[in-house]
């Protein structure tokens, strides 16, 4: 995850990059935490080093991140996918939180993000049994946006990223911030927060350009200002 965090940092610093697509290979999206590495760890080491804290970098990115999941996304792999903003999956993808089979629990968001994505009952069942669920089941439950044949997943994710990237980064990042804020706010708090961001957009050149382009029936030329 150190390399992934570094890559996200580079993407954040590059204004020419509007969206990010995160993927693995046809067999697995991500392997998750190293089981062998954990075998020799003691509680004092885990606590002192704040084990898995570097995983949070993906969730903290201001730019939209699309997960293109092929094959297995189990444990940390499933948690990593859930840190992304949108998940596209192959028809062969498998999701799950099997940590209970190791005598522990998910440690990178599995007990928190999964319930927000698919509801308490289904999330509890998956966390307590360690069972996997298919891409179709994940899509039906709301965890995954769309399911494609394996060969199409990454191209479709890139296509989506390019579509989002045509818009103002100020707007896409504000929209992402508002949606994510809803998980930590009451409805009234969220509505106020959304309205403040909406009001703030009136101060941007991109909003003025968007309105003007709409009136002139042409494509907007956003400058991220």
Protein backbone atom coordinates (compact mmCIF):
# COMPACT_ATOMS: atom_id res chain seq x y z
CA UNK A 1 0.00 0.00 0.00
CA UNK A 2 2.98 2.29 0.38
CA UNK A 3 3.36 2.41 -3.40
CA UNK A 4 -0.35 3.03 -3.88
CA UNK A 5 -0.22 5.89 -1.37
CA UNK A 6 2.77 7.38 -3.18
CA UNK A 7 0.95 7.11 -6.51
CA UNK A 8 -2.11 8.84 -5.06
CA UNK A 9 0.11 11.63 -3.72
CA UNK A 10 1.61 12.12 -7.18
CA UNK A 11 -1.85 12.21 -8.74
CA UNK A 12 -3.04 14.74 -6.18
CA UNK A 13 -0.09 17.02 -6.96
CA UNK A 14 -0.63 16.89 -10.73
CA UNK A 15 -3.38 19.27 -11.84
CA UNK A 16 -3.53 17.63 -15.26
CA UNK A 17 -4.86 14.45 -13.65
CA UNK A 18 -8.58 14.83 -13.02
CA UNK A 19 -9.57 11.28 -12.05
CA UNK A 20 -7.79 8.07 -11.05
CA UNK A 21 -8.49 4.46 -12.03
CA UNK A 22 -7.23 1.84 -9.58
CA UNK A 23 -6.99 -1.77 -10.74
CA UNK A 24 -5.08 -5.02 -10.26
CA UNK A 25 -4.96 -7.93 -12.69
CA UNK A 26 -7.49 -10.38 -14.09
CA UNK A 27 -7.12 -12.71 -11.09
CA UNK A 28 -7.20 -10.28 -8.19
CA UNK A 29 -7.87 -6.62 -7.54
CA UNK A 30 -5.67 -6.53 -4.45
CA UNK A 31 -4.27 -9.17 -2.14
CA UNK A 32 -4.98 -7.26 1.04
CA UNK A 33 -2.74 -7.35 4.10
CA UNK A 34 0.19 -9.77 4.16
CA UNK A 35 -0.92 -12.68 6.36
CA UNK A 36 2.63 -13.96 6.85
CA UNK A 37 3.76 -10.51 7.91
CA UNK A 38 1.01 -10.34 10.52
CA UNK A 39 1.99 -13.71 12.01
CA UNK A 40 5.05 -12.27 13.71
CA UNK A 41 3.45 -9.08 14.95
CA UNK A 42 2.53 -8.35 18.56
CA UNK A 43 -0.18 -6.01 19.79
CA UNK A 44 2.37 -3.46 21.02
CA UNK A 45 3.94 -3.28 17.56
CA UNK A 46 0.62 -3.02 15.77
CA UNK A 47 -0.62 -0.29 18.08
CA UNK A 48 2.61 1.68 18.17
CA UNK A 49 3.03 1.73 14.37
CA UNK A 50 -0.69 2.31 13.72
CA UNK A 51 -0.75 -0.69 11.39
CA UNK A 52 -2.76 -0.18 8.16
CA UNK A 53 -2.93 3.61 8.61
CA UNK A 54 -1.37 4.15 5.17
CA UNK A 55 -4.45 2.52 3.63
CA UNK A 56 -6.47 5.62 4.45
CA UNK A 57 -4.70 7.64 1.75
CA UNK A 58 -7.00 6.35 -0.98
CA UNK A 59 -10.15 7.36 0.90
CA UNK A 60 -8.71 10.80 1.64
CA UNK A 61 -7.98 11.67 -1.99
CA UNK A 62 -9.84 14.75 -3.17
CA UNK A 63 -9.92 13.48 -6.75
CA UNK A 64 -12.51 10.91 -7.85
CA UNK A 65 -11.10 7.37 -7.80
CA UNK A 66 -12.66 4.54 -9.79
CA UNK A 67 -11.96 0.93 -8.81
CA UNK A 68 -11.81 -1.51 -11.73
CA UNK A 69 -12.17 -4.86 -9.98
CA UNK A 70 -11.35 -8.14 -11.70
CA UNK A 71 -11.12 -11.45 -9.88
CA UNK A 72 -10.84 -11.54 -6.10
CA UNK A 73 -11.32 -8.52 -3.85
CA UNK A 74 -11.23 -10.14 -0.43
CA UNK A 75 -10.31 -8.70 2.93
CA UNK A 76 -8.13 -5.68 2.36
CA UNK A 77 -8.88 -5.91 -1.35
CA UNK A 78 -12.58 -5.41 -0.70
CA UNK A 79 -11.80 -2.63 1.76
CA UNK A 80 -9.55 -0.91 -0.78
CA UNK A 81 -12.29 -1.07 -3.41
CA UNK A 82 -14.76 0.48 -0.95
CA UNK A 83 -12.35 3.37 -0.33
CA UNK A 84 -12.79 4.30 -3.98
CA UNK A 85 -15.69 6.46 -5.12
CA UNK A 86 -17.09 4.21 -7.85
CA UNK A 87 -16.63 0.46 -8.36
CA UNK A 88 -16.80 -1.24 -11.75
CA UNK A 89 -16.43 -5.02 -11.59
CA UNK A 90 -15.86 -7.92 -13.93
CA UNK A 91 -18.44 -10.70 -14.06
CA UNK A 92 -15.83 -12.95 -12.39
CA UNK A 93 -15.18 -10.61 -9.46
CA UNK A 94 -15.65 -11.90 -5.91
CA UNK A 95 -15.99 -9.69 -2.85
CA UNK A 96 -15.77 -10.60 0.82
CA UNK A 97 -14.36 -10.00 4.28
CA UNK A 98 -12.91 -13.37 5.37
CA UNK A 99 -11.02 -12.07 8.42
CA UNK A 100 -13.34 -13.93 10.82
CA UNK A 101 -11.78 -17.18 9.54
CA UNK A 102 -8.42 -15.98 10.88
CA UNK A 103 -9.79 -15.17 14.30
CA UNK A 104 -9.91 -11.41 13.78
CA UNK A 105 -12.05 -8.73 12.15
CA UNK A 106 -11.60 -6.35 9.20
CA UNK A 107 -9.18 -3.57 10.07
CA UNK A 108 -9.28 -1.15 7.13
CA UNK A 109 -12.95 -0.21 7.01
CA UNK A 110 -14.71 -3.50 6.32
CA UNK A 111 -17.09 -3.23 9.28
CA UNK A 112 -17.84 0.43 8.59
CA UNK A 113 -17.98 0.96 4.83
CA UNK A 114 -19.68 -2.32 3.96
CA UNK A 115 -22.70 -1.62 6.15
CA UNK A 116 -23.03 1.83 4.60
CA UNK A 117 -22.92 0.31 1.14
CA UNK A 118 -25.23 -2.69 1.45
CA UNK A 119 -27.05 -2.38 4.78
CA UNK A 120 -26.65 -3.96 8.21
CA UNK A 121 -28.13 -7.42 7.71
CA UNK A 122 -26.18 -8.36 4.57
CA UNK A 123 -22.98 -6.72 5.81
CA UNK A 124 -23.24 -8.49 9.16
CA UNK A 125 -23.79 -11.82 7.43
CA UNK A 126 -20.71 -11.38 5.27
CA UNK A 127 -18.47 -10.17 8.10
CA UNK A 128 -19.59 -12.91 10.51
CA UNK A 129 -19.37 -15.78 8.01
CA UNK A 130 -16.45 -14.69 5.86
CA UNK A 131 -18.44 -15.76 2.79
CA UNK A 132 -17.81 -14.23 -0.62
CA UNK A 133 -20.41 -12.69 -2.89
CA UNK A 134 -20.41 -12.34 -6.65
CA UNK A 135 -20.21 -9.22 -8.79
CA UNK A 136 -23.89 -9.58 -9.66
CA UNK A 137 -24.81 -9.81 -5.98
CA UNK A 138 -22.59 -6.83 -5.22
CA UNK A 139 -24.26 -4.80 -7.95
CA UNK A 140 -27.74 -5.77 -6.75
CA UNK A 141 -26.79 -4.75 -3.21
CA UNK A 142 -25.42 -1.39 -4.31
CA UNK A 143 -21.72 -2.01 -3.65
CA UNK A 144 -20.85 -2.06 -7.36
CA UNK A 145 -22.09 0.39 -9.99
CA UNK A 146 -21.77 -1.83 -13.06
CA UNK A 147 -20.61 -5.29 -14.12
CA UNK A 148 -18.77 -5.95 -17.38
CA UNK A 149 -16.92 -8.80 -19.07
CA UNK A 150 -13.36 -8.95 -17.74
CA UNK A 151 -11.78 -7.49 -20.88
CA UNK A 152 -14.07 -4.45 -20.71
CA UNK A 153 -13.73 -3.44 -17.06
CA UNK A 154 -10.60 -1.29 -17.23
CA UNK A 155 -11.50 0.36 -20.57
CA UNK A 156 -14.97 1.18 -19.21
CA UNK A 157 -13.45 2.58 -16.01
CA UNK A 158 -11.06 4.73 -18.04
CA UNK A 159 -13.95 5.88 -20.22
CA UNK A 160 -15.86 6.92 -17.11
CA UNK A 161 -12.80 8.69 -15.72
CA UNK A 162 -12.38 10.62 -18.96
CA UNK A 163 -16.04 11.63 -18.90
CA UNK A 164 -15.76 12.94 -15.34
CA UNK A 165 -12.44 14.57 -16.17
CA UNK A 166 -14.08 16.81 -18.78
CA UNK A 167 -15.89 18.68 -16.03
CA UNK A 168 -14.54 21.30 -13.66
CA UNK A 169 -12.27 19.77 -11.02
CA UNK A 170 -13.59 22.34 -8.58
CA UNK A 171 -17.09 20.99 -9.14
CA UNK A 172 -16.23 17.27 -9.15
CA UNK A 173 -14.15 17.57 -5.98
CA UNK A 174 -16.84 19.62 -4.25
CA UNK A 175 -19.47 17.06 -5.28
CA UNK A 176 -17.32 14.22 -3.92
CA UNK A 177 -16.78 16.12 -0.66
CA UNK A 178 -20.50 16.74 -0.25
CA UNK A 179 -21.48 13.12 -0.92
CA UNK A 180 -18.86 11.75 1.48
CA UNK A 181 -19.81 14.28 4.15
CA UNK A 182 -23.31 12.80 4.21
CA UNK A 183 -21.97 9.74 6.06
CA UNK A 184 -20.94 11.88 9.03
CA UNK A 185 -23.78 14.38 9.17
CA UNK A 186 -27.47 14.49 9.89
CA UNK A 187 -29.70 15.25 6.92
CA UNK A 188 -30.11 18.88 7.98
CA UNK A 189 -26.36 19.30 8.47
CA UNK A 190 -25.70 17.73 5.10
CA UNK A 191 -28.23 19.95 3.36
CA UNK A 192 -26.63 23.05 4.87
CA UNK A 193 -23.15 21.84 3.87
CA UNK A 194 -24.30 21.12 0.33
CA UNK A 195 -25.92 24.55 0.03
CA UNK A 196 -22.72 26.27 1.18
CA UNK A 197 -20.67 24.46 -1.45
CA UNK A 198 -23.31 25.29 -4.06
CA UNK A 199 -23.21 28.95 -3.09
CA UNK A 200 -19.41 28.91 -3.22
CA UNK A 201 -19.49 27.67 -6.81
CA UNK A 202 -20.90 31.05 -7.86
CA UNK A 203 -17.46 32.54 -7.14
CA UNK A 204 -15.73 30.28 -9.68
CA UNK A 205 -14.95 31.03 -13.30
CA UNK A 206 -16.01 27.50 -14.20
CA UNK A 207 -19.59 28.04 -13.04
CA UNK A 208 -19.79 31.27 -15.04
CA UNK A 209 -18.38 29.44 -18.07
CA UNK A 210 -20.78 26.53 -17.61
CA UNK A 211 -23.81 28.82 -17.50
CA UNK A 212 -22.58 30.82 -20.49
CA UNK A 213 -21.85 27.69 -22.53
CA UNK A 214 -25.30 26.31 -21.77
CA UNK A 215 -26.95 29.53 -22.92
CA UNK A 216 -24.83 29.57 -26.08
CA UNK A 217 -25.50 25.88 -26.77
CA UNK A 218 -21.82 24.87 -26.86
CA UNK A 219 -19.38 22.73 -24.90
CA UNK A 220 -18.03 24.43 -21.79
CA UNK A 221 -14.31 25.15 -21.60
CA UNK A 222 -13.55 24.62 -17.94
CA UNK A 223 -10.26 25.95 -16.56
CA UNK A 224 -10.50 24.70 -12.96
CA UNK A 225 -10.59 28.25 -11.64
